[in-house]
Amino acid sequence: MAKVSILQSQLLDITISRLSQQLIENHGDFSNTVIIGLQQGGIILSERIKKRIFELAKVEVPLGQLDITFHRDDFRRGQSILTPSKTDIPFLVEDMNVILIDDVVFTGRSIRSALDAMMAFGRPRKVELLCLVDRKYSRDLPIEPTYVGKVVNSIQSQYIQAEWKEEGHQEDNLWLINQ
């Protein structure tokens, strides 16, 4: 199994700052904007984006967590029993601008599931997608991120692995792994 580093700690931090700046430029005071991180991969990234926005613009953006387990189109196909993660959205998304955050966008199916799951909390005015890694040329659905940290051309047998300090790793890293 070959492992190639695609974003190391310092470059990852710069990327998060750039993405946060783009959000600040497009959303101003965030008065009608909320952030929702997707379980699992988007949670740490969404928390860091929220924190960086506060550091840069002194604005507190509402943050939620969304689990998509039972909204996936493949959740009944496996043999094992699925255990959902936590959904915590302490606000309505009705008529709000929603920034969905996930670490990797691959086929687009997780984002479609997130859109379905999010509708239980209201109908948003607008939904934008922010991802750390966009795996181009792998879409099954016509879904494209609005904000992208890094574009990676990959093949089906590869995957992206994120290592975060919050998970006990020495430093942050994103890896492209060949199976």
N, C-alpha and C. Protein backbone atom coordinates (compact mmCIF):
# COMPACT_ATOMS: atom_id res chain seq x y z
N MET A 1 0.85 -1.17 0.00
CA MET A 1 0.00 0.00 0.00
C MET A 1 0.89 1.24 0.00
N ALA A 2 0.86 2.01 -1.11
CA ALA A 2 1.66 3.23 -1.22
C ALA A 2 0.89 4.40 -0.63
N LYS A 3 1.61 5.27 0.04
CA LYS A 3 1.01 6.40 0.75
C LYS A 3 1.77 7.67 0.34
N VAL A 4 1.05 8.64 -0.26
CA VAL A 4 1.66 9.87 -0.72
C VAL A 4 1.04 11.05 0.02
N SER A 5 1.87 11.89 0.59
CA SER A 5 1.37 13.07 1.31
C SER A 5 0.91 14.12 0.31
N ILE A 6 -0.32 14.61 0.50
CA ILE A 6 -0.83 15.65 -0.40
C ILE A 6 -1.00 17.00 0.30
N LEU A 7 -1.15 17.01 1.61
CA LEU A 7 -1.18 18.26 2.38
C LEU A 7 -0.58 17.98 3.75
N GLN A 8 0.49 18.70 4.09
CA GLN A 8 1.10 18.57 5.40
C GLN A 8 0.58 19.68 6.31
N SER A 9 0.96 19.62 7.57
CA SER A 9 0.42 20.48 8.61
C SER A 9 0.43 21.97 8.25
N GLN A 10 1.58 22.50 7.86
CA GLN A 10 1.67 23.94 7.59
C GLN A 10 0.84 24.33 6.37
N LEU A 11 0.92 23.55 5.31
CA LEU A 11 0.15 23.85 4.11
C LEU A 11 -1.35 23.67 4.37
N LEU A 12 -1.70 22.70 5.19
CA LEU A 12 -3.09 22.49 5.56
C LEU A 12 -3.64 23.69 6.32
N ASP A 13 -2.84 24.25 7.22
CA ASP A 13 -3.24 25.44 7.97
C ASP A 13 -3.44 26.64 7.03
N ILE A 14 -2.55 26.80 6.07
CA ILE A 14 -2.68 27.88 5.09
C ILE A 14 -3.96 27.69 4.26
N THR A 15 -4.23 26.46 3.90
CA THR A 15 -5.43 26.14 3.10
C THR A 15 -6.70 26.48 3.88
N ILE A 16 -6.73 26.14 5.16
CA ILE A 16 -7.88 26.46 6.00
C ILE A 16 -8.06 27.97 6.12
N SER A 17 -6.96 28.71 6.24
CA SER A 17 -7.04 30.17 6.28
C SER A 17 -7.60 30.73 4.98
N ARG A 18 -7.13 30.19 3.85
CA ARG A 18 -7.61 30.67 2.55
C ARG A 18 -9.11 30.40 2.39
N LEU A 19 -9.53 29.20 2.74
CA LEU A 19 -10.96 28.87 2.65
C LEU A 19 -11.80 29.77 3.56
N SER A 20 -11.30 30.04 4.75
CA SER A 20 -12.01 30.92 5.69
C SER A 20 -12.11 32.33 5.14
N GLN A 21 -11.02 32.82 4.53
CA GLN A 21 -11.03 34.16 3.91
C GLN A 21 -12.07 34.23 2.79
N GLN A 22 -12.16 33.19 2.00
CA GLN A 22 -13.14 33.17 0.92
C GLN A 22 -14.57 33.24 1.49
N LEU A 23 -14.81 32.53 2.56
CA LEU A 23 -16.13 32.58 3.20
C LEU A 23 -16.42 33.97 3.73
N ILE A 24 -15.43 34.59 4.37
CA ILE A 24 -15.61 35.95 4.89
C ILE A 24 -15.92 36.92 3.75
N GLU A 25 -15.20 36.81 2.65
CA GLU A 25 -15.43 37.69 1.50
C GLU A 25 -16.85 37.52 0.95
N ASN A 26 -17.35 36.30 0.93
CA ASN A 26 -18.66 36.05 0.32
C ASN A 26 -19.84 36.17 1.27
N HIS A 27 -19.58 36.08 2.60
CA HIS A 27 -20.69 36.09 3.55
C HIS A 27 -20.66 37.27 4.52
N GLY A 28 -19.64 38.10 4.45
CA GLY A 28 -19.59 39.31 5.27
C GLY A 28 -19.72 39.05 6.75
N ASP A 29 -20.84 39.49 7.34
CA ASP A 29 -21.03 39.36 8.79
C ASP A 29 -21.69 38.03 9.17
N PHE A 30 -21.97 37.18 8.20
CA PHE A 30 -22.55 35.85 8.44
C PHE A 30 -23.90 35.92 9.15
N SER A 31 -24.61 37.04 9.00
CA SER A 31 -25.87 37.22 9.73
C SER A 31 -26.94 36.20 9.32
N ASN A 32 -26.91 35.72 8.09
CA ASN A 32 -27.88 34.73 7.62
C ASN A 32 -27.21 33.43 7.20
N THR A 33 -26.08 33.13 7.81
CA THR A 33 -25.27 31.99 7.38
C THR A 33 -24.98 31.06 8.55
N VAL A 34 -25.05 29.75 8.29
CA VAL A 34 -24.68 28.73 9.27
C VAL A 34 -23.72 27.75 8.60
N ILE A 35 -22.97 27.05 9.44
CA ILE A 35 -22.05 26.01 8.96
C ILE A 35 -22.53 24.67 9.48
N ILE A 36 -22.54 23.67 8.61
CA ILE A 36 -22.88 22.31 9.01
C ILE A 36 -21.77 21.38 8.53
N GLY A 37 -21.12 20.73 9.49
CA GLY A 37 -20.07 19.75 9.18
C GLY A 37 -20.68 18.37 9.08
N LEU A 38 -20.23 17.61 8.09
CA LEU A 38 -20.74 16.26 7.89
C LEU A 38 -19.91 15.26 8.69
N GLN A 39 -20.61 14.36 9.39
CA GLN A 39 -19.95 13.29 10.12
C GLN A 39 -19.30 12.37 9.10
N GLN A 40 -18.29 11.85 9.27
CA GLN A 40 -17.22 12.01 10.21
C GLN A 40 -16.22 13.06 9.74
N GLY A 41 -15.88 13.00 8.48
CA GLY A 41 -14.76 13.78 7.98
C GLY A 41 -14.89 15.29 8.04
N GLY A 42 -16.08 15.82 8.02
CA GLY A 42 -16.23 17.27 7.98
C GLY A 42 -16.29 17.94 9.33
N ILE A 43 -16.33 17.17 10.42
CA ILE A 43 -16.51 17.76 11.74
C ILE A 43 -15.30 18.56 12.17
N ILE A 44 -14.13 17.96 12.16
CA ILE A 44 -12.92 18.68 12.59
C ILE A 44 -12.66 19.86 11.68
N LEU A 45 -12.82 19.66 10.37
CA LEU A 45 -12.60 20.75 9.42
C LEU A 45 -13.58 21.89 9.68
N SER A 46 -14.85 21.60 9.93
CA SER A 46 -15.83 22.67 10.15
C SER A 46 -15.53 23.43 11.45
N GLU A 47 -15.08 22.71 12.48
CA GLU A 47 -14.71 23.39 13.72
C GLU A 47 -13.51 24.31 13.51
N ARG A 48 -12.56 23.88 12.71
CA ARG A 48 -11.40 24.73 12.43
C ARG A 48 -11.77 25.94 11.58
N ILE A 49 -12.65 25.74 10.62
CA ILE A 49 -13.11 26.86 9.78
C ILE A 49 -13.84 27.88 10.65
N LYS A 50 -14.72 27.42 11.51
CA LYS A 50 -15.46 28.32 12.42
C LYS A 50 -14.48 29.12 13.28
N LYS A 51 -13.50 28.43 13.85
CA LYS A 51 -12.51 29.08 14.70
C LYS A 51 -11.69 30.11 13.91
N ARG A 52 -11.29 29.75 12.70
CA ARG A 52 -10.47 30.67 11.89
C ARG A 52 -11.28 31.89 11.47
N ILE A 53 -12.56 31.71 11.16
CA ILE A 53 -13.41 32.85 10.82
C ILE A 53 -13.48 33.81 12.01
N PHE A 54 -13.61 33.24 13.21
CA PHE A 54 -13.65 34.10 14.40
C PHE A 54 -12.33 34.84 14.59
N GLU A 55 -11.20 34.15 14.38
CA GLU A 55 -9.89 34.79 14.51
C GLU A 55 -9.71 35.91 13.51
N LEU A 56 -10.18 35.72 12.29
CA LEU A 56 -9.96 36.69 11.22
C LEU A 56 -10.98 37.82 11.21
N ALA A 57 -12.24 37.51 11.51
CA ALA A 57 -13.31 38.50 11.35
C ALA A 57 -14.06 38.80 12.63
N LYS A 58 -13.72 38.12 13.73
CA LYS A 58 -14.40 38.32 15.01
C LYS A 58 -15.91 38.11 14.89
N VAL A 59 -16.29 37.10 14.11
CA VAL A 59 -17.69 36.75 13.90
C VAL A 59 -17.90 35.31 14.39
N GLU A 60 -18.95 35.11 15.16
CA GLU A 60 -19.30 33.79 15.67
C GLU A 60 -20.37 33.18 14.75
N VAL A 61 -20.00 32.17 13.99
CA VAL A 61 -20.92 31.54 13.05
C VAL A 61 -21.54 30.30 13.69
N PRO A 62 -22.87 30.15 13.66
CA PRO A 62 -23.50 28.95 14.20
C PRO A 62 -22.97 27.70 13.49
N LEU A 63 -22.69 26.66 14.27
CA LEU A 63 -22.11 25.43 13.75
C LEU A 63 -22.94 24.23 14.16
N GLY A 64 -23.22 23.36 13.21
CA GLY A 64 -23.94 22.13 13.48
C GLY A 64 -23.19 20.93 12.93
N GLN A 65 -23.64 19.75 13.36
CA GLN A 65 -23.07 18.49 12.89
C GLN A 65 -24.19 17.64 12.32
N LEU A 66 -23.95 17.04 11.17
CA LEU A 66 -24.99 16.27 10.49
C LEU A 66 -24.50 14.87 10.18
N ASP A 67 -25.29 13.87 10.61
CA ASP A 67 -25.01 12.49 10.26
C ASP A 67 -25.91 12.09 9.10
N ILE A 68 -25.35 11.41 8.11
CA ILE A 68 -26.11 11.05 6.91
C ILE A 68 -26.34 9.55 6.79
N THR A 69 -26.00 8.79 7.81
CA THR A 69 -26.02 7.33 7.74
C THR A 69 -27.28 6.76 7.10
N PHE A 70 -28.44 7.15 7.57
CA PHE A 70 -29.68 6.55 7.10
C PHE A 70 -30.28 7.27 5.90
N HIS A 71 -29.56 8.23 5.37
CA HIS A 71 -29.99 8.92 4.15
C HIS A 71 -29.18 8.46 2.94
N ARG A 72 -28.18 7.62 3.18
CA ARG A 72 -27.34 7.12 2.09
C ARG A 72 -28.13 6.14 1.23
N ASP A 73 -27.82 6.11 -0.05
CA ASP A 73 -28.53 5.19 -0.95
C ASP A 73 -28.00 3.76 -0.86
N ASP A 74 -26.92 3.55 -0.12
CA ASP A 74 -26.34 2.22 0.00
C ASP A 74 -26.38 1.67 1.43
N PHE A 75 -27.11 2.30 2.34
CA PHE A 75 -27.01 1.90 3.74
C PHE A 75 -27.62 0.52 4.01
N ARG A 76 -28.49 0.02 3.20
CA ARG A 76 -29.10 -1.30 3.41
C ARG A 76 -28.36 -2.41 2.66
N ARG A 77 -27.30 -2.10 1.98
CA ARG A 77 -26.61 -3.09 1.16
C ARG A 77 -25.59 -3.92 1.92
N GLY A 78 -25.08 -3.42 3.02
CA GLY A 78 -24.06 -4.15 3.76
C GLY A 78 -24.67 -5.17 4.71
N GLN A 79 -23.83 -6.06 5.19
CA GLN A 79 -24.26 -7.10 6.11
C GLN A 79 -24.24 -6.63 7.56
N SER A 80 -23.41 -5.64 7.85
CA SER A 80 -23.26 -5.21 9.24
C SER A 80 -24.32 -4.17 9.61
N ILE A 81 -24.59 -4.09 10.90
CA ILE A 81 -25.54 -3.10 11.41
C ILE A 81 -24.81 -1.77 11.52
N LEU A 82 -25.41 -0.74 10.99
CA LEU A 82 -24.79 0.58 11.01
C LEU A 82 -25.09 1.31 12.31
N THR A 83 -24.10 2.00 12.81
CA THR A 83 -24.27 2.82 14.00
C THR A 83 -24.12 4.28 13.58
N PRO A 84 -25.18 5.06 13.68
CA PRO A 84 -25.07 6.45 13.26
C PRO A 84 -24.23 7.28 14.23
N SER A 85 -23.67 8.35 13.70
CA SER A 85 -22.99 9.32 14.53
C SER A 85 -24.01 10.34 15.00
N LYS A 86 -23.53 11.35 15.68
CA LYS A 86 -24.43 12.35 16.27
C LYS A 86 -24.80 13.43 15.26
N THR A 87 -26.08 13.77 15.25
CA THR A 87 -26.54 14.96 14.54
C THR A 87 -26.86 15.99 15.60
N ASP A 88 -26.29 17.16 15.46
CA ASP A 88 -26.52 18.25 16.42
C ASP A 88 -26.61 19.54 15.63
N ILE A 89 -27.83 19.94 15.33
CA ILE A 89 -28.06 21.19 14.62
C ILE A 89 -29.00 22.01 15.49
N PRO A 90 -28.42 22.89 16.33
CA PRO A 90 -29.23 23.64 17.30
C PRO A 90 -29.86 24.91 16.72
N PHE A 91 -30.20 24.87 15.45
CA PHE A 91 -30.81 26.02 14.78
C PHE A 91 -31.61 25.51 13.60
N LEU A 92 -32.54 26.34 13.12
CA LEU A 92 -33.26 26.02 11.90
C LEU A 92 -32.44 26.51 10.71
N VAL A 93 -32.51 25.80 9.61
CA VAL A 93 -31.82 26.26 8.41
C VAL A 93 -32.78 26.99 7.47
N GLU A 94 -34.03 27.10 7.90
CA GLU A 94 -35.05 27.77 7.09
C GLU A 94 -34.58 29.16 6.67
N ASP A 95 -34.54 29.39 5.35
CA ASP A 95 -34.19 30.68 4.75
C ASP A 95 -32.78 31.16 5.12
N MET A 96 -31.89 30.23 5.48
CA MET A 96 -30.51 30.58 5.80
C MET A 96 -29.59 30.16 4.66
N ASN A 97 -28.42 30.78 4.62
CA ASN A 97 -27.35 30.32 3.75
C ASN A 97 -26.60 29.24 4.52
N VAL A 98 -26.51 28.07 3.96
CA VAL A 98 -25.86 26.95 4.62
C VAL A 98 -24.56 26.62 3.90
N ILE A 99 -23.49 26.50 4.69
CA ILE A 99 -22.22 26.04 4.16
C ILE A 99 -22.03 24.62 4.67
N LEU A 100 -22.17 23.64 3.78
CA LEU A 100 -21.92 22.24 4.12
C LEU A 100 -20.42 22.01 4.01
N ILE A 101 -19.84 21.35 5.01
CA ILE A 101 -18.40 21.11 5.00
C ILE A 101 -18.13 19.62 5.13
N ASP A 102 -17.31 19.11 4.21
CA ASP A 102 -16.84 17.73 4.27
C ASP A 102 -15.36 17.72 3.89
N ASP A 103 -14.64 16.71 4.35
CA ASP A 103 -13.21 16.69 4.07
C ASP A 103 -12.92 16.33 2.62
N VAL A 104 -13.65 15.36 2.05
CA VAL A 104 -13.38 14.90 0.69
C VAL A 104 -14.70 14.77 -0.07
N VAL A 105 -14.71 15.29 -1.29
CA VAL A 105 -15.85 15.06 -2.19
C VAL A 105 -15.35 14.10 -3.27
N PHE A 106 -16.06 12.99 -3.39
CA PHE A 106 -15.65 11.95 -4.32
C PHE A 106 -16.75 11.73 -5.36
N THR A 107 -17.70 10.87 -5.09
CA THR A 107 -18.75 10.57 -6.07
C THR A 107 -19.90 11.58 -6.03
N GLY A 108 -20.04 12.29 -4.91
CA GLY A 108 -21.15 13.22 -4.72
C GLY A 108 -22.31 12.60 -3.97
N ARG A 109 -22.28 11.31 -3.73
CA ARG A 109 -23.39 10.63 -3.07
C ARG A 109 -23.55 11.04 -1.61
N SER A 110 -22.47 11.27 -0.91
CA SER A 110 -22.57 11.72 0.49
C SER A 110 -23.21 13.10 0.56
N ILE A 111 -22.87 13.96 -0.37
CA ILE A 111 -23.44 15.31 -0.37
C ILE A 111 -24.93 15.26 -0.70
N ARG A 112 -25.32 14.40 -1.63
CA ARG A 112 -26.74 14.23 -1.92
C ARG A 112 -27.48 13.76 -0.68
N SER A 113 -26.88 12.84 0.04
CA SER A 113 -27.47 12.35 1.29
C SER A 113 -27.57 13.46 2.32
N ALA A 114 -26.55 14.29 2.39
CA ALA A 114 -26.55 15.41 3.34
C ALA A 114 -27.66 16.40 3.01
N LEU A 115 -27.88 16.66 1.74
CA LEU A 115 -28.96 17.56 1.35
C LEU A 115 -30.31 17.01 1.78
N ASP A 116 -30.50 15.70 1.60
CA ASP A 116 -31.74 15.06 2.04
C ASP A 116 -31.90 15.17 3.56
N ALA A 117 -30.84 14.85 4.30
CA ALA A 117 -30.90 14.88 5.77
C ALA A 117 -31.13 16.29 6.29
N MET A 118 -30.52 17.26 5.65
CA MET A 118 -30.61 18.65 6.11
C MET A 118 -32.03 19.21 6.00
N MET A 119 -32.82 18.71 5.07
CA MET A 119 -34.17 19.22 4.86
C MET A 119 -35.07 19.04 6.07
N ALA A 120 -34.71 18.14 6.98
CA ALA A 120 -35.49 17.96 8.21
C ALA A 120 -35.38 19.19 9.12
N PHE A 121 -34.42 20.05 8.84
CA PHE A 121 -34.19 21.24 9.68
C PHE A 121 -34.65 22.52 9.00
N GLY A 122 -35.35 22.40 7.89
CA GLY A 122 -35.88 23.56 7.19
C GLY A 122 -35.36 23.64 5.77
N ARG A 123 -35.91 24.57 5.03
CA ARG A 123 -35.51 24.76 3.64
C ARG A 123 -34.56 25.96 3.56
N PRO A 124 -33.29 25.71 3.24
CA PRO A 124 -32.33 26.81 3.19
C PRO A 124 -32.55 27.73 1.99
N ARG A 125 -32.09 28.95 2.13
CA ARG A 125 -32.12 29.90 1.02
C ARG A 125 -31.11 29.46 -0.04
N LYS A 126 -29.92 29.07 0.44
CA LYS A 126 -28.84 28.70 -0.47
C LYS A 126 -27.94 27.70 0.26
N VAL A 127 -27.40 26.75 -0.49
CA VAL A 127 -26.45 25.78 0.07
C VAL A 127 -25.17 25.85 -0.75
N GLU A 128 -24.05 26.01 -0.03
CA GLU A 128 -22.73 25.97 -0.66
C GLU A 128 -21.96 24.81 -0.05
N LEU A 129 -21.05 24.25 -0.81
CA LEU A 129 -20.26 23.12 -0.36
C LEU A 129 -18.79 23.52 -0.28
N LEU A 130 -18.20 23.25 0.87
CA LEU A 130 -16.77 23.48 1.08
C LEU A 130 -16.13 22.12 1.36
N CYS A 131 -15.05 21.83 0.65
CA CYS A 131 -14.33 20.58 0.90
C CYS A 131 -12.83 20.85 0.90
N LEU A 132 -12.13 20.05 1.63
CA LEU A 132 -10.68 20.15 1.69
C LEU A 132 -10.07 19.55 0.44
N VAL A 133 -10.60 18.40 0.00
CA VAL A 133 -10.08 17.72 -1.19
C VAL A 133 -11.24 17.40 -2.13
N ASP A 134 -11.07 17.82 -3.37
CA ASP A 134 -12.02 17.50 -4.43
C ASP A 134 -11.36 16.45 -5.32
N ARG A 135 -11.91 15.24 -5.27
CA ARG A 135 -11.40 14.17 -6.13
C ARG A 135 -12.10 14.29 -7.47
N LYS A 136 -11.51 15.05 -8.35
CA LYS A 136 -12.08 15.31 -9.67
C LYS A 136 -12.23 14.02 -10.46
N TYR A 137 -13.11 14.07 -11.43
CA TYR A 137 -13.32 13.00 -12.40
C TYR A 137 -13.84 11.70 -11.80
N SER A 138 -14.47 11.80 -10.64
CA SER A 138 -15.00 10.60 -9.99
C SER A 138 -16.47 10.74 -9.65
N ARG A 139 -17.15 11.74 -10.18
CA ARG A 139 -18.53 12.01 -9.80
C ARG A 139 -19.51 11.02 -10.41
N ASP A 140 -20.43 10.59 -9.57
CA ASP A 140 -21.59 9.84 -10.04
C ASP A 140 -22.78 10.78 -10.19
N LEU A 141 -22.73 11.90 -9.47
CA LEU A 141 -23.82 12.88 -9.47
C LEU A 141 -23.25 14.25 -9.83
N PRO A 142 -24.08 15.13 -10.40
CA PRO A 142 -23.60 16.46 -10.79
C PRO A 142 -23.50 17.42 -9.60
N ILE A 143 -22.56 17.14 -8.72
CA ILE A 143 -22.36 17.95 -7.53
C ILE A 143 -20.93 18.45 -7.54
N GLU A 144 -20.76 19.76 -7.39
CA GLU A 144 -19.43 20.37 -7.39
C GLU A 144 -19.30 21.28 -6.18
N PRO A 145 -18.15 21.24 -5.50
CA PRO A 145 -17.95 22.13 -4.36
C PRO A 145 -17.79 23.59 -4.79
N THR A 146 -18.26 24.48 -3.93
CA THR A 146 -18.12 25.92 -4.15
C THR A 146 -16.73 26.39 -3.72
N TYR A 147 -16.22 25.83 -2.63
CA TYR A 147 -14.91 26.18 -2.07
C TYR A 147 -14.09 24.90 -1.98
N VAL A 148 -12.88 24.93 -2.52
CA VAL A 148 -12.03 23.74 -2.58
C VAL A 148 -10.64 24.06 -2.05
N GLY A 149 -10.15 23.21 -1.16
CA GLY A 149 -8.80 23.35 -0.66
C GLY A 149 -7.77 22.87 -1.66
N LYS A 150 -7.97 21.67 -2.19
CA LYS A 150 -7.03 21.08 -3.13
C LYS A 150 -7.78 20.13 -4.05
N VAL A 151 -7.43 20.17 -5.32
CA VAL A 151 -8.00 19.25 -6.30
C VAL A 151 -7.00 18.11 -6.49
N VAL A 152 -7.50 16.89 -6.42
CA VAL A 152 -6.65 15.72 -6.59
C VAL A 152 -7.26 14.84 -7.67
N ASN A 153 -6.47 14.55 -8.68
CA ASN A 153 -6.90 13.59 -9.69
C ASN A 153 -6.55 12.20 -9.17
N SER A 154 -7.56 11.37 -9.01
CA SER A 154 -7.33 10.05 -8.43
C SER A 154 -8.14 9.02 -9.20
N ILE A 155 -7.80 7.77 -8.96
CA ILE A 155 -8.53 6.67 -9.58
C ILE A 155 -9.37 5.96 -8.52
N GLN A 156 -10.24 5.11 -8.97
CA GLN A 156 -11.21 4.45 -8.09
C GLN A 156 -10.55 3.69 -6.93
N SER A 157 -9.40 3.09 -7.16
CA SER A 157 -8.76 2.26 -6.13
C SER A 157 -8.00 3.06 -5.08
N GLN A 158 -7.93 4.37 -5.24
CA GLN A 158 -7.25 5.22 -4.27
C GLN A 158 -8.26 5.84 -3.31
N TYR A 159 -7.78 6.25 -2.16
CA TYR A 159 -8.63 6.99 -1.24
C TYR A 159 -7.79 8.01 -0.48
N ILE A 160 -8.48 8.96 0.14
CA ILE A 160 -7.83 10.02 0.91
C ILE A 160 -7.98 9.69 2.39
N GLN A 161 -6.89 9.80 3.13
CA GLN A 161 -6.94 9.60 4.59
C GLN A 161 -6.47 10.89 5.25
N ALA A 162 -7.30 11.38 6.15
CA ALA A 162 -6.95 12.59 6.92
C ALA A 162 -6.47 12.18 8.30
N GLU A 163 -5.40 12.80 8.74
CA GLU A 163 -4.90 12.60 10.11
C GLU A 163 -4.90 13.96 10.78
N TRP A 164 -5.63 14.08 11.88
CA TRP A 164 -5.79 15.34 12.60
C TRP A 164 -5.19 15.22 14.00
N LYS A 165 -4.64 16.33 14.49
CA LYS A 165 -4.13 16.36 15.86
C LYS A 165 -5.24 16.05 16.86
N GLU A 166 -6.45 16.50 16.55
CA GLU A 166 -7.60 16.26 17.44
C GLU A 166 -7.89 14.77 17.61
N GLU A 167 -7.41 13.96 16.69
CA GLU A 167 -7.61 12.51 16.77
C GLU A 167 -6.40 11.80 17.37
N GLY A 168 -5.43 12.58 17.86
CA GLY A 168 -4.27 11.98 18.52
C GLY A 168 -3.03 11.85 17.66
N HIS A 169 -3.05 12.34 16.45
CA HIS A 169 -1.87 12.26 15.59
C HIS A 169 -0.87 13.35 15.97
N GLN A 170 0.39 13.11 15.68
CA GLN A 170 1.46 14.07 15.98
C GLN A 170 1.24 15.40 15.26
N GLU A 171 0.86 15.33 13.99
CA GLU A 171 0.56 16.53 13.22
C GLU A 171 -0.50 16.21 12.19
N ASP A 172 -1.05 17.26 11.61
CA ASP A 172 -2.09 17.10 10.60
C ASP A 172 -1.44 16.67 9.28
N ASN A 173 -2.10 15.75 8.59
CA ASN A 173 -1.65 15.30 7.28
C ASN A 173 -2.83 14.79 6.49
N LEU A 174 -2.76 14.96 5.18
CA LEU A 174 -3.69 14.33 4.26
C LEU A 174 -2.87 13.44 3.34
N TRP A 175 -3.33 12.21 3.19
CA TRP A 175 -2.60 11.22 2.41
C TRP A 175 -3.48 10.71 1.26
N LEU A 176 -2.84 10.47 0.12
CA LEU A 176 -3.47 9.74 -0.98
C LEU A 176 -2.92 8.32 -0.88
N ILE A 177 -3.80 7.36 -0.73
CA ILE A 177 -3.38 5.97 -0.49
C ILE A 177 -3.85 5.08 -1.63
N ASN A 178 -2.91 4.29 -2.16
CA ASN A 178 -3.22 3.28 -3.17
C ASN A 178 -3.50 1.97 -2.46
N GLN A 179 -4.61 1.36 -2.79
CA GLN A 179 -4.95 0.08 -2.15
C GLN A 179 -4.27 -1.07 -2.85
